[in-house]
Every structure is written in structure tokens, then in C-alpha cells.
Amino acid sequence: MTVPAEFIRAHTRPERPPLVPEIQLLVAADVVALWEAMAVEQGRTDEEPPFWAAAWPGGQALARYVLDHPDVVAGRSVLDLGAGSGLVAVAALLAGAERVVASEIDPFGLAAIPENAALNGVSGIEPVGDLLGEPPPAVDVVLAGDVCYDRIMTERVLPFLDAARTAGAEVLVGDPGRPYLPHDRLVEAAVHDIADADSSAGRPARIRRTTVWRLP
């Protein structure tokens, strides 16, 4: 389905993620209201929660890393895997990436990506759907924020990341301590303590120790 840009703008508001204040991101002012509006927009009630409408710790850590180390992406082609609404993709462009592909399975997230790019004065992100069932695209860098959130997803993602690394891409993963990620296979590149995006209203935010890992 095609999601109108007007829907994204009507149900989100711009905020600056705490770890990446250089970037504005459209996030849900009311997650439940947004979820209900998504169901009405699609005419169905079995939609996944709007994970795309938040700045998750894994994405924030990756965005911070590429802004602090622009040489990782500057002048290179980049894939933002599990892009959500494009936080890491926007950071890559701001850091000088030549080309950015943003892969996201949620059509609402795909619609939000160009909106967030425009909000930050960048253009050229190529939004695409699910890539995990095919060989990785020919890119120089793969950035994957919090993509190993359950066992099934991890079993799909890891072979894709391995294939990208074998093909010569540099692979970086932002992870807030998920138990499914094989840390013994990875090299730590940066660590941050970040407030979790799913903290309930009125409760203190849970702080997640979030690591940027490099696939050697």
C-alpha cells in the first residue's frame, strides 16, 4: 500500500533524539492513537505497532557513530537495514554518504523516510522494502540498527550481514543488549547509555547500554 505523506505529518511531531540532537525525527505524539489511525488507514486491525515512529537506542547509537566518524560513510554507498523512519539514513547523508538505500518493511516507515529527509534538508535516500530474501545490494557500508530483536529475525538477518561482509561491505550493528546477537563474533566500536524509546508515560525511562558493533 501507499501511505500518504499527509498521514505521517498529521500523526507525528518533530523531535530531536537525545543522542543525536543534530537531527530532527518525526515521532509519535501518542503511540496508541497512531496505531489506531494506522488500522483505519489500512482497513484492518492486525497491524504491528508503529515501531518506525520512535528513535530506538540501536538507531541512535549508529547515527551518532556515523556523525562522529564521517569517514565511515563519506563518499560511499550505504544500506540502512531496518531503517524505521530513516534516522540512520539521514545521519549517513549528513556525514557525506554518496548514496543511501533505506530498507524498511513497514509501509508507514517507508512513507516517513522522505519526510524525515526533507525535515533535515537532505535528499536522495532510496526507500525499499524487505531485502532479506535476496542477496545484499552492492554497497560499501551496511548499517543495521536493532535488527536482532527476536530469534526469528536474527536467523534472517545474520546470513544477510555475513553475505554483505563477504562481498566486501563494512557492516556495523547498533544493539541495545539483545540476547540473540552473537557478541563473540563482533568487535566493539562504541558504547552509549540511551533512554529506551518504549518507556511508558509517567515512568522514568529505562536506560539501555547500547553498543555499536563491527562485523570483522
N, C-alpha and C. Protein backbone atom coordinates (compact mmCIF):
# COMPACT_ATOMS: atom_id res chain seq x y z
N MET A 1 0.83 -1.19 0.00
CA MET A 1 0.00 0.00 0.00
C MET A 1 0.87 1.25 0.00
N THR A 2 0.32 2.35 -0.50
CA THR A 2 1.00 3.64 -0.47
C THR A 2 0.40 4.48 0.65
N VAL A 3 1.26 4.96 1.54
CA VAL A 3 0.79 5.77 2.66
C VAL A 3 0.98 7.24 2.30
N PRO A 4 -0.07 8.05 2.39
CA PRO A 4 0.09 9.47 2.06
C PRO A 4 1.02 10.17 3.03
N ALA A 5 1.84 11.06 2.51
CA ALA A 5 2.73 11.84 3.36
C ALA A 5 1.93 12.64 4.38
N GLU A 6 0.72 13.06 4.00
CA GLU A 6 -0.10 13.85 4.91
C GLU A 6 -0.45 13.05 6.17
N PHE A 7 -0.61 11.73 6.03
CA PHE A 7 -0.90 10.89 7.20
C PHE A 7 0.26 10.93 8.18
N ILE A 8 1.48 10.81 7.67
CA ILE A 8 2.66 10.82 8.54
C ILE A 8 2.75 12.15 9.28
N ARG A 9 2.58 13.23 8.56
CA ARG A 9 2.71 14.55 9.19
C ARG A 9 1.59 14.80 10.21
N ALA A 10 0.40 14.26 9.96
CA ALA A 10 -0.74 14.50 10.85
C ALA A 10 -0.63 13.76 12.17
N HIS A 11 0.12 12.65 12.19
CA HIS A 11 0.14 11.80 13.38
C HIS A 11 1.50 11.74 14.07
N THR A 12 2.40 12.62 13.67
CA THR A 12 3.72 12.66 14.30
C THR A 12 4.10 14.10 14.57
N ARG A 13 5.19 14.28 15.29
CA ARG A 13 5.72 15.61 15.54
C ARG A 13 7.24 15.53 15.51
N PRO A 14 7.92 16.58 15.12
CA PRO A 14 9.38 16.54 15.06
C PRO A 14 10.00 16.66 16.45
N GLU A 15 10.95 15.78 16.73
CA GLU A 15 11.72 15.83 17.97
C GLU A 15 13.17 15.55 17.63
N ARG A 16 14.06 15.93 18.54
CA ARG A 16 15.49 15.66 18.37
C ARG A 16 15.89 14.52 19.29
N PRO A 17 16.31 13.37 18.76
CA PRO A 17 16.71 12.27 19.62
C PRO A 17 17.82 12.71 20.58
N PRO A 18 17.77 12.29 21.84
CA PRO A 18 18.73 12.77 22.83
C PRO A 18 20.19 12.60 22.44
N LEU A 19 20.53 11.46 21.83
CA LEU A 19 21.92 11.20 21.49
C LEU A 19 22.33 11.86 20.17
N VAL A 20 21.33 12.27 19.38
CA VAL A 20 21.62 12.82 18.05
C VAL A 20 20.83 14.13 17.87
N PRO A 21 21.13 15.16 18.66
CA PRO A 21 20.34 16.39 18.60
C PRO A 21 20.50 17.16 17.29
N GLU A 22 21.49 16.77 16.47
CA GLU A 22 21.66 17.42 15.17
C GLU A 22 20.52 17.09 14.20
N ILE A 23 19.77 16.02 14.50
CA ILE A 23 18.76 15.51 13.58
C ILE A 23 17.37 15.66 14.19
N GLN A 24 16.42 16.06 13.36
CA GLN A 24 15.02 16.03 13.75
C GLN A 24 14.37 14.77 13.18
N LEU A 25 13.50 14.16 13.98
CA LEU A 25 12.84 12.93 13.56
C LEU A 25 11.35 13.02 13.90
N LEU A 26 10.51 12.66 12.94
CA LEU A 26 9.08 12.63 13.19
C LEU A 26 8.75 11.41 14.05
N VAL A 27 8.23 11.65 15.23
CA VAL A 27 7.89 10.56 16.15
C VAL A 27 6.43 10.68 16.56
N ALA A 28 5.91 9.60 17.14
CA ALA A 28 4.50 9.58 17.54
C ALA A 28 4.29 10.40 18.80
N ALA A 29 3.35 11.35 18.72
CA ALA A 29 2.96 12.08 19.92
C ALA A 29 2.14 11.18 20.84
N ASP A 30 1.36 10.28 20.26
CA ASP A 30 0.53 9.33 21.01
C ASP A 30 0.57 8.01 20.25
N VAL A 31 1.32 7.04 20.78
CA VAL A 31 1.54 5.77 20.07
C VAL A 31 0.23 5.03 19.85
N VAL A 32 -0.62 4.97 20.87
CA VAL A 32 -1.90 4.25 20.74
C VAL A 32 -2.78 4.89 19.68
N ALA A 33 -2.86 6.22 19.71
CA ALA A 33 -3.68 6.92 18.71
C ALA A 33 -3.13 6.68 17.30
N LEU A 34 -1.81 6.69 17.17
CA LEU A 34 -1.20 6.43 15.86
C LEU A 34 -1.50 5.02 15.40
N TRP A 35 -1.39 4.05 16.29
CA TRP A 35 -1.65 2.65 15.96
C TRP A 35 -3.09 2.49 15.48
N GLU A 36 -4.03 3.12 16.18
CA GLU A 36 -5.43 3.05 15.77
C GLU A 36 -5.64 3.71 14.41
N ALA A 37 -4.97 4.85 14.20
CA ALA A 37 -5.11 5.53 12.91
C ALA A 37 -4.53 4.70 11.77
N MET A 38 -3.45 3.98 12.03
CA MET A 38 -2.87 3.09 11.02
C MET A 38 -3.85 2.00 10.63
N ALA A 39 -4.54 1.44 11.64
CA ALA A 39 -5.52 0.38 11.36
C ALA A 39 -6.65 0.91 10.50
N VAL A 40 -7.11 2.11 10.79
CA VAL A 40 -8.18 2.72 10.00
C VAL A 40 -7.70 2.99 8.57
N GLU A 41 -6.47 3.50 8.46
CA GLU A 41 -5.91 3.83 7.14
C GLU A 41 -5.82 2.59 6.26
N GLN A 42 -5.48 1.45 6.87
CA GLN A 42 -5.34 0.22 6.08
C GLN A 42 -6.62 -0.61 6.04
N GLY A 43 -7.60 -0.25 6.87
CA GLY A 43 -8.83 -1.00 6.89
C GLY A 43 -8.68 -2.37 7.51
N ARG A 44 -7.75 -2.50 8.47
CA ARG A 44 -7.51 -3.79 9.13
C ARG A 44 -7.01 -3.52 10.54
N THR A 45 -7.06 -4.54 11.39
CA THR A 45 -6.72 -4.34 12.80
C THR A 45 -5.55 -5.20 13.25
N ASP A 46 -4.86 -5.85 12.33
CA ASP A 46 -3.78 -6.76 12.72
C ASP A 46 -2.40 -6.16 12.45
N GLU A 47 -2.33 -4.84 12.39
CA GLU A 47 -1.05 -4.19 12.11
C GLU A 47 -0.10 -4.31 13.30
N GLU A 48 1.20 -4.37 12.98
CA GLU A 48 2.22 -4.30 14.02
C GLU A 48 2.21 -2.91 14.64
N PRO A 49 2.67 -2.79 15.89
CA PRO A 49 2.79 -1.45 16.49
C PRO A 49 3.69 -0.57 15.63
N PRO A 50 3.55 0.76 15.76
CA PRO A 50 4.34 1.68 14.93
C PRO A 50 5.77 1.82 15.42
N PHE A 51 6.53 0.74 15.29
CA PHE A 51 7.93 0.76 15.73
C PHE A 51 8.73 1.86 15.01
N TRP A 52 8.29 2.18 13.79
CA TRP A 52 9.02 3.17 12.99
C TRP A 52 8.93 4.57 13.59
N ALA A 53 7.93 4.82 14.43
CA ALA A 53 7.67 6.19 14.90
C ALA A 53 8.37 6.49 16.23
N ALA A 54 9.58 5.97 16.39
CA ALA A 54 10.36 6.22 17.61
C ALA A 54 11.83 6.15 17.26
N ALA A 55 12.64 6.83 18.06
CA ALA A 55 14.09 6.79 17.87
C ALA A 55 14.68 5.75 18.82
N TRP A 56 14.82 4.52 18.33
CA TRP A 56 15.27 3.42 19.18
C TRP A 56 16.77 3.53 19.48
N PRO A 57 17.19 3.01 20.63
CA PRO A 57 18.60 3.16 21.02
C PRO A 57 19.60 2.65 19.98
N GLY A 58 19.32 1.51 19.34
CA GLY A 58 20.25 0.99 18.34
C GLY A 58 20.45 1.94 17.19
N GLY A 59 19.38 2.56 16.73
CA GLY A 59 19.48 3.54 15.65
C GLY A 59 20.18 4.81 16.09
N GLN A 60 19.88 5.27 17.30
CA GLN A 60 20.55 6.47 17.80
C GLN A 60 22.06 6.25 17.91
N ALA A 61 22.46 5.09 18.40
CA ALA A 61 23.89 4.82 18.54
C ALA A 61 24.59 4.78 17.19
N LEU A 62 23.95 4.17 16.20
CA LEU A 62 24.55 4.13 14.86
C LEU A 62 24.61 5.52 14.23
N ALA A 63 23.53 6.28 14.38
CA ALA A 63 23.53 7.64 13.84
C ALA A 63 24.63 8.48 14.47
N ARG A 64 24.78 8.36 15.79
CA ARG A 64 25.84 9.08 16.49
C ARG A 64 27.22 8.66 15.97
N TYR A 65 27.37 7.37 15.71
CA TYR A 65 28.66 6.86 15.27
C TYR A 65 29.05 7.41 13.90
N VAL A 66 28.12 7.42 12.97
CA VAL A 66 28.49 7.90 11.63
C VAL A 66 28.70 9.42 11.62
N LEU A 67 27.98 10.14 12.48
CA LEU A 67 28.22 11.58 12.57
C LEU A 67 29.58 11.88 13.21
N ASP A 68 29.97 11.05 14.18
CA ASP A 68 31.27 11.24 14.83
C ASP A 68 32.43 10.71 14.01
N HIS A 69 32.14 9.76 13.11
CA HIS A 69 33.18 9.14 12.27
C HIS A 69 32.73 9.20 10.81
N PRO A 70 32.62 10.39 10.23
CA PRO A 70 32.09 10.52 8.87
C PRO A 70 32.89 9.76 7.83
N ASP A 71 34.15 9.48 8.12
CA ASP A 71 34.97 8.74 7.16
C ASP A 71 34.40 7.35 6.87
N VAL A 72 33.57 6.83 7.78
CA VAL A 72 32.97 5.51 7.57
C VAL A 72 32.05 5.51 6.35
N VAL A 73 31.36 6.64 6.12
CA VAL A 73 30.36 6.67 5.05
C VAL A 73 30.63 7.73 3.98
N ALA A 74 31.49 8.69 4.24
CA ALA A 74 31.68 9.81 3.31
C ALA A 74 32.11 9.32 1.93
N GLY A 75 31.38 9.75 0.90
CA GLY A 75 31.70 9.37 -0.46
C GLY A 75 31.40 7.93 -0.82
N ARG A 76 30.67 7.23 0.07
CA ARG A 76 30.43 5.80 -0.13
C ARG A 76 28.94 5.52 -0.26
N SER A 77 28.62 4.32 -0.74
CA SER A 77 27.23 3.87 -0.83
C SER A 77 26.88 3.12 0.45
N VAL A 78 25.67 3.35 0.95
CA VAL A 78 25.28 2.86 2.27
C VAL A 78 23.90 2.20 2.20
N LEU A 79 23.74 1.09 2.93
CA LEU A 79 22.43 0.49 3.15
C LEU A 79 22.07 0.64 4.62
N ASP A 80 20.93 1.27 4.90
CA ASP A 80 20.37 1.33 6.24
C ASP A 80 19.34 0.21 6.33
N LEU A 81 19.70 -0.87 7.03
CA LEU A 81 18.85 -2.07 7.10
C LEU A 81 17.95 -1.97 8.33
N GLY A 82 16.64 -2.17 8.14
CA GLY A 82 15.71 -1.98 9.24
C GLY A 82 15.64 -0.50 9.59
N ALA A 83 15.40 0.31 8.57
CA ALA A 83 15.60 1.75 8.68
C ALA A 83 14.59 2.46 9.56
N GLY A 84 13.43 1.83 9.85
CA GLY A 84 12.40 2.56 10.58
C GLY A 84 11.95 3.76 9.77
N SER A 85 12.07 4.95 10.34
CA SER A 85 11.71 6.15 9.58
C SER A 85 12.92 6.90 9.10
N GLY A 86 14.10 6.25 9.11
CA GLY A 86 15.25 6.79 8.39
C GLY A 86 16.26 7.59 9.19
N LEU A 87 16.29 7.44 10.52
CA LEU A 87 17.24 8.19 11.33
C LEU A 87 18.68 7.95 10.89
N VAL A 88 19.07 6.68 10.74
CA VAL A 88 20.45 6.36 10.38
C VAL A 88 20.74 6.76 8.94
N ALA A 89 19.76 6.60 8.06
CA ALA A 89 19.94 7.02 6.67
C ALA A 89 20.19 8.51 6.57
N VAL A 90 19.43 9.30 7.33
CA VAL A 90 19.63 10.75 7.34
C VAL A 90 21.02 11.08 7.88
N ALA A 91 21.43 10.42 8.96
CA ALA A 91 22.76 10.66 9.51
C ALA A 91 23.85 10.36 8.50
N ALA A 92 23.67 9.28 7.73
CA ALA A 92 24.67 8.92 6.73
C ALA A 92 24.80 10.01 5.66
N LEU A 93 23.67 10.55 5.22
CA LEU A 93 23.73 11.63 4.23
C LEU A 93 24.38 12.88 4.82
N LEU A 94 24.04 13.20 6.05
CA LEU A 94 24.65 14.37 6.69
C LEU A 94 26.15 14.19 6.86
N ALA A 95 26.58 12.94 6.99
CA ALA A 95 28.01 12.64 7.14
C ALA A 95 28.73 12.53 5.80
N GLY A 96 28.00 12.72 4.69
CA GLY A 96 28.65 12.76 3.39
C GLY A 96 28.52 11.54 2.52
N ALA A 97 27.60 10.62 2.87
CA ALA A 97 27.41 9.43 2.01
C ALA A 97 26.98 9.87 0.62
N GLU A 98 27.47 9.15 -0.37
CA GLU A 98 27.13 9.47 -1.77
C GLU A 98 25.78 8.93 -2.15
N ARG A 99 25.42 7.75 -1.62
CA ARG A 99 24.16 7.10 -1.95
C ARG A 99 23.69 6.33 -0.73
N VAL A 100 22.39 6.42 -0.42
CA VAL A 100 21.84 5.73 0.75
C VAL A 100 20.57 5.00 0.36
N VAL A 101 20.57 3.69 0.57
CA VAL A 101 19.38 2.86 0.40
C VAL A 101 18.83 2.56 1.80
N ALA A 102 17.54 2.78 2.02
CA ALA A 102 16.92 2.54 3.32
C ALA A 102 15.88 1.43 3.18
N SER A 103 16.15 0.29 3.81
CA SER A 103 15.26 -0.86 3.72
C SER A 103 14.37 -0.94 4.95
N GLU A 104 13.06 -0.93 4.73
CA GLU A 104 12.08 -0.98 5.82
C GLU A 104 10.85 -1.73 5.35
N ILE A 105 10.34 -2.65 6.17
CA ILE A 105 9.21 -3.48 5.75
C ILE A 105 7.87 -2.81 5.99
N ASP A 106 7.79 -1.84 6.90
CA ASP A 106 6.52 -1.19 7.22
C ASP A 106 6.26 -0.06 6.23
N PRO A 107 5.14 -0.10 5.51
CA PRO A 107 4.87 0.96 4.52
C PRO A 107 4.75 2.35 5.16
N PHE A 108 4.35 2.40 6.43
CA PHE A 108 4.28 3.70 7.10
C PHE A 108 5.69 4.23 7.35
N GLY A 109 6.61 3.36 7.72
CA GLY A 109 8.00 3.77 7.87
C GLY A 109 8.58 4.24 6.55
N LEU A 110 8.28 3.51 5.48
CA LEU A 110 8.77 3.91 4.15
C LEU A 110 8.26 5.30 3.77
N ALA A 111 7.02 5.59 4.14
CA ALA A 111 6.47 6.91 3.83
C ALA A 111 7.11 8.00 4.68
N ALA A 112 7.54 7.63 5.88
CA ALA A 112 8.14 8.62 6.78
C ALA A 112 9.58 8.96 6.40
N ILE A 113 10.27 8.05 5.71
CA ILE A 113 11.68 8.27 5.39
C ILE A 113 11.91 9.55 4.59
N PRO A 114 11.23 9.76 3.46
CA PRO A 114 11.47 11.01 2.73
C PRO A 114 11.02 12.24 3.50
N GLU A 115 10.00 12.09 4.37
CA GLU A 115 9.57 13.22 5.19
C GLU A 115 10.68 13.63 6.17
N ASN A 116 11.33 12.65 6.77
CA ASN A 116 12.42 12.95 7.69
C ASN A 116 13.64 13.49 6.96
N ALA A 117 13.87 13.00 5.76
CA ALA A 117 14.98 13.54 4.97
C ALA A 117 14.74 15.02 4.69
N ALA A 118 13.54 15.35 4.23
CA ALA A 118 13.22 16.75 3.92
C ALA A 118 13.30 17.63 5.17
N LEU A 119 12.86 17.08 6.30
CA LEU A 119 12.89 17.83 7.55
C LEU A 119 14.32 18.24 7.92
N ASN A 120 15.29 17.42 7.49
CA ASN A 120 16.69 17.68 7.81
C ASN A 120 17.48 18.26 6.64
N GLY A 121 16.77 18.63 5.59
CA GLY A 121 17.42 19.31 4.48
C GLY A 121 18.31 18.43 3.63
N VAL A 122 18.03 17.12 3.60
CA VAL A 122 18.81 16.22 2.74
C VAL A 122 17.86 15.52 1.78
N SER A 123 18.40 14.98 0.72
CA SER A 123 17.60 14.26 -0.25
C SER A 123 18.43 13.13 -0.85
N GLY A 124 17.75 12.24 -1.53
CA GLY A 124 18.46 11.17 -2.24
C GLY A 124 18.39 9.82 -1.58
N ILE A 125 17.69 9.69 -0.44
CA ILE A 125 17.52 8.37 0.16
C ILE A 125 16.61 7.54 -0.74
N GLU A 126 16.98 6.28 -0.96
CA GLU A 126 16.19 5.37 -1.78
C GLU A 126 15.44 4.40 -0.87
N PRO A 127 14.16 4.64 -0.56
CA PRO A 127 13.43 3.70 0.30
C PRO A 127 13.07 2.43 -0.47
N VAL A 128 13.34 1.28 0.15
CA VAL A 128 12.98 -0.01 -0.44
C VAL A 128 12.39 -0.90 0.65
N GLY A 129 11.72 -1.96 0.24
CA GLY A 129 11.11 -2.87 1.20
C GLY A 129 12.08 -3.92 1.72
N ASP A 130 11.55 -5.09 2.01
CA ASP A 130 12.32 -6.18 2.62
C ASP A 130 13.37 -6.69 1.64
N LEU A 131 14.63 -6.71 2.06
CA LEU A 131 15.72 -7.21 1.22
C LEU A 131 16.27 -8.55 1.70
N LEU A 132 15.76 -9.06 2.81
CA LEU A 132 16.42 -10.21 3.43
C LEU A 132 16.28 -11.50 2.65
N GLY A 133 15.35 -11.54 1.70
CA GLY A 133 15.19 -12.76 0.92
C GLY A 133 16.01 -12.79 -0.34
N GLU A 134 16.92 -11.83 -0.50
CA GLU A 134 17.74 -11.76 -1.72
C GLU A 134 19.17 -11.39 -1.36
N PRO A 135 20.09 -11.50 -2.29
CA PRO A 135 21.48 -11.12 -1.99
C PRO A 135 21.56 -9.64 -1.63
N PRO A 136 22.51 -9.28 -0.75
CA PRO A 136 22.65 -7.86 -0.39
C PRO A 136 22.96 -7.02 -1.61
N PRO A 137 22.49 -5.78 -1.64
CA PRO A 137 22.82 -4.90 -2.75
C PRO A 137 24.30 -4.53 -2.73
N ALA A 138 24.80 -4.07 -3.84
CA ALA A 138 26.22 -3.70 -3.93
C ALA A 138 26.42 -2.33 -3.28
N VAL A 139 26.75 -2.34 -1.99
CA VAL A 139 27.02 -1.11 -1.25
C VAL A 139 28.35 -1.26 -0.52
N ASP A 140 28.89 -0.12 -0.10
CA ASP A 140 30.16 -0.13 0.63
C ASP A 140 29.99 -0.36 2.12
N VAL A 141 28.84 0.08 2.65
CA VAL A 141 28.61 0.02 4.09
C VAL A 141 27.18 -0.43 4.36
N VAL A 142 27.01 -1.33 5.35
CA VAL A 142 25.69 -1.72 5.82
C VAL A 142 25.57 -1.28 7.28
N LEU A 143 24.54 -0.51 7.59
CA LEU A 143 24.26 -0.04 8.94
C LEU A 143 22.94 -0.67 9.38
N ALA A 144 22.95 -1.39 10.49
CA ALA A 144 21.76 -2.13 10.93
C ALA A 144 21.47 -1.81 12.39
N GLY A 145 20.39 -1.06 12.64
CA GLY A 145 20.05 -0.65 13.99
C GLY A 145 19.01 -1.55 14.62
N ASP A 146 19.39 -2.27 15.69
CA ASP A 146 18.46 -3.10 16.48
C ASP A 146 17.65 -4.05 15.61
N VAL A 147 18.33 -4.77 14.75
CA VAL A 147 17.64 -5.70 13.85
C VAL A 147 17.54 -7.11 14.41
N CYS A 148 18.19 -7.38 15.53
CA CYS A 148 18.16 -8.73 16.11
C CYS A 148 17.27 -8.75 17.35
N TYR A 149 16.04 -8.25 17.20
CA TYR A 149 15.15 -8.08 18.34
C TYR A 149 14.44 -9.37 18.75
N ASP A 150 14.45 -10.39 17.90
CA ASP A 150 13.95 -11.70 18.31
C ASP A 150 14.72 -12.78 17.55
N ARG A 151 14.48 -14.02 17.95
CA ARG A 151 15.29 -15.11 17.39
C ARG A 151 15.04 -15.31 15.90
N ILE A 152 13.77 -15.24 15.49
CA ILE A 152 13.44 -15.46 14.08
C ILE A 152 14.08 -14.39 13.20
N MET A 153 13.97 -13.14 13.63
CA MET A 153 14.56 -12.06 12.84
C MET A 153 16.08 -12.21 12.79
N THR A 154 16.67 -12.61 13.90
CA THR A 154 18.13 -12.79 13.92
C THR A 154 18.56 -13.86 12.93
N GLU A 155 17.78 -14.94 12.84
CA GLU A 155 18.12 -16.02 11.92
C GLU A 155 18.02 -15.57 10.47
N ARG A 156 17.23 -14.54 10.19
CA ARG A 156 17.16 -13.99 8.84
C ARG A 156 18.26 -12.97 8.59
N VAL A 157 18.54 -12.16 9.60
CA VAL A 157 19.45 -11.03 9.43
C VAL A 157 20.91 -11.46 9.34
N LEU A 158 21.34 -12.37 10.22
CA LEU A 158 22.77 -12.68 10.29
C LEU A 158 23.33 -13.22 8.98
N PRO A 159 22.66 -14.15 8.29
CA PRO A 159 23.20 -14.59 6.99
C PRO A 159 23.30 -13.44 5.98
N PHE A 160 22.35 -12.52 6.02
CA PHE A 160 22.39 -11.36 5.13
C PHE A 160 23.61 -10.49 5.44
N LEU A 161 23.85 -10.23 6.72
CA LEU A 161 25.00 -9.41 7.11
C LEU A 161 26.31 -10.12 6.76
N ASP A 162 26.35 -11.43 6.98
CA ASP A 162 27.56 -12.20 6.62
C ASP A 162 27.81 -12.12 5.11
N ALA A 163 26.74 -12.23 4.33
CA ALA A 163 26.90 -12.16 2.87
C ALA A 163 27.38 -10.78 2.45
N ALA A 164 26.86 -9.74 3.10
CA ALA A 164 27.31 -8.39 2.77
C ALA A 164 28.78 -8.21 3.11
N ARG A 165 29.19 -8.75 4.25
CA ARG A 165 30.60 -8.63 4.66
C ARG A 165 31.50 -9.41 3.70
N THR A 166 31.06 -10.60 3.30
CA THR A 166 31.83 -11.41 2.36
C THR A 166 31.99 -10.70 1.02
N ALA A 167 30.96 -9.94 0.64
CA ALA A 167 31.01 -9.20 -0.62
C ALA A 167 31.86 -7.94 -0.52
N GLY A 168 32.37 -7.63 0.66
CA GLY A 168 33.28 -6.51 0.81
C GLY A 168 32.72 -5.30 1.53
N ALA A 169 31.45 -5.35 1.96
CA ALA A 169 30.87 -4.20 2.65
C ALA A 169 31.35 -4.15 4.10
N GLU A 170 31.51 -2.95 4.61
CA GLU A 170 31.74 -2.76 6.04
C GLU A 170 30.37 -2.85 6.72
N VAL A 171 30.28 -3.63 7.81
CA VAL A 171 29.00 -3.88 8.47
C VAL A 171 29.06 -3.40 9.91
N LEU A 172 28.14 -2.51 10.29
CA LEU A 172 28.03 -2.01 11.66
C LEU A 172 26.62 -2.25 12.17
N VAL A 173 26.52 -2.72 13.40
CA VAL A 173 25.23 -3.05 14.01
C VAL A 173 25.09 -2.26 15.30
N GLY A 174 23.96 -1.57 15.46
CA GLY A 174 23.64 -0.91 16.72
C GLY A 174 22.70 -1.78 17.52
N ASP A 175 23.08 -2.14 18.76
CA ASP A 175 22.30 -3.12 19.51
C ASP A 175 22.20 -2.74 20.99
N PRO A 176 20.97 -2.72 21.55
CA PRO A 176 20.78 -2.35 22.94
C PRO A 176 20.79 -3.53 23.90
N GLY A 177 21.66 -4.50 23.64
CA GLY A 177 21.81 -5.64 24.54
C GLY A 177 20.86 -6.78 24.29
N ARG A 178 20.40 -6.96 23.07
CA ARG A 178 19.53 -8.09 22.76
C ARG A 178 20.29 -9.40 22.95
N PRO A 179 19.62 -10.43 23.49
CA PRO A 179 20.33 -11.69 23.76
C PRO A 179 20.60 -12.53 22.53
N TYR A 180 20.02 -12.17 21.39
CA TYR A 180 20.13 -13.01 20.20
C TYR A 180 21.35 -12.68 19.36
N LEU A 181 21.97 -11.54 19.60
CA LEU A 181 23.12 -11.14 18.79
C LEU A 181 24.38 -11.87 19.29
N PRO A 182 25.12 -12.55 18.41
CA PRO A 182 26.32 -13.30 18.83
C PRO A 182 27.51 -12.37 19.05
N HIS A 183 27.60 -11.81 20.25
CA HIS A 183 28.62 -10.80 20.52
C HIS A 183 30.04 -11.32 20.35
N ASP A 184 30.24 -12.64 20.51
CA ASP A 184 31.59 -13.20 20.39
C ASP A 184 32.11 -13.12 18.95
N ARG A 185 31.22 -12.86 18.00
CA ARG A 185 31.63 -12.75 16.60
C ARG A 185 31.93 -11.31 16.20
N LEU A 186 31.72 -10.36 17.12
CA LEU A 186 31.73 -8.95 16.76
C LEU A 186 32.84 -8.20 17.49
N VAL A 187 33.13 -7.00 16.98
CA VAL A 187 34.15 -6.14 17.59
C VAL A 187 33.47 -4.85 18.03
N GLU A 188 33.64 -4.49 19.28
CA GLU A 188 33.01 -3.28 19.81
C GLU A 188 33.64 -2.03 19.22
N ALA A 189 32.77 -1.12 18.74
CA ALA A 189 33.25 0.14 18.16
C ALA A 189 32.90 1.35 19.01
N ALA A 190 31.77 1.31 19.73
CA ALA A 190 31.36 2.43 20.58
C ALA A 190 30.28 1.94 21.52
N VAL A 191 30.15 2.60 22.67
CA VAL A 191 29.13 2.24 23.67
C VAL A 191 28.47 3.52 24.19
N HIS A 192 27.13 3.48 24.33
CA HIS A 192 26.38 4.61 24.85
C HIS A 192 25.28 4.11 25.79
N ASP A 193 24.94 4.90 26.78
CA ASP A 193 23.76 4.65 27.61
C ASP A 193 22.64 5.54 27.10
N ILE A 194 21.54 4.92 26.65
CA ILE A 194 20.48 5.66 25.96
C ILE A 194 19.13 5.30 26.58
N ALA A 195 18.29 6.30 26.77
CA ALA A 195 16.94 6.06 27.26
C ALA A 195 16.14 5.27 26.24
N ASP A 196 15.42 4.25 26.70
CA ASP A 196 14.67 3.40 25.79
C ASP A 196 13.49 4.16 25.20
N ALA A 197 13.17 3.84 23.96
CA ALA A 197 12.09 4.54 23.26
C ALA A 197 10.72 4.08 23.71
N ASP A 198 10.62 2.91 24.37
CA ASP A 198 9.29 2.39 24.72
C ASP A 198 8.93 2.64 26.17
N SER A 199 9.57 3.60 26.83
CA SER A 199 9.24 3.91 28.21
C SER A 199 7.81 4.42 28.31
N SER A 200 7.07 3.95 29.30
CA SER A 200 5.69 4.35 29.46
C SER A 200 5.59 5.77 30.01
N ALA A 201 4.54 6.45 29.63
CA ALA A 201 4.34 7.83 30.10
C ALA A 201 4.24 7.86 31.61
N GLY A 202 4.90 8.81 32.22
CA GLY A 202 4.86 8.96 33.66
C GLY A 202 5.86 8.12 34.41
N ARG A 203 6.57 7.26 33.72
CA ARG A 203 7.58 6.42 34.36
C ARG A 203 8.97 6.83 33.89
N PRO A 204 9.96 6.69 34.77
CA PRO A 204 11.32 7.03 34.35
C PRO A 204 11.75 6.14 33.18
N ALA A 205 12.46 6.74 32.24
CA ALA A 205 12.93 5.98 31.09
C ALA A 205 13.96 4.94 31.52
N ARG A 206 13.85 3.75 30.95
CA ARG A 206 14.85 2.71 31.20
C ARG A 206 16.08 3.03 30.36
N ILE A 207 17.24 2.97 30.98
CA ILE A 207 18.48 3.26 30.27
C ILE A 207 19.05 1.96 29.72
N ARG A 208 19.33 1.96 28.43
CA ARG A 208 19.85 0.77 27.76
C ARG A 208 21.31 0.99 27.39
N ARG A 209 22.18 0.09 27.82
CA ARG A 209 23.57 0.11 27.38
C ARG A 209 23.58 -0.38 25.93
N THR A 210 23.89 0.52 25.02
CA THR A 210 23.78 0.27 23.59
C THR A 210 25.15 0.32 22.93
N THR A 211 25.44 -0.69 22.14
CA THR A 211 26.77 -0.84 21.56
C THR A 211 26.70 -0.79 20.03
N VAL A 212 27.66 -0.13 19.45
CA VAL A 212 27.87 -0.24 18.01
C VAL A 212 28.92 -1.30 17.80
N TRP A 213 28.53 -2.35 17.08
CA TRP A 213 29.43 -3.49 16.82
C TRP A 213 29.85 -3.48 15.35
N ARG A 214 31.05 -3.92 15.13
CA ARG A 214 31.59 -4.09 13.78
C ARG A 214 31.70 -5.58 13.48
N LEU A 215 31.22 -5.98 12.31
CA LEU A 215 31.37 -7.38 11.88
C LEU A 215 32.74 -7.52 11.21
N PRO A 216 33.66 -8.27 11.84
CA PRO A 216 35.02 -8.34 11.27
C PRO A 216 35.09 -9.24 10.05
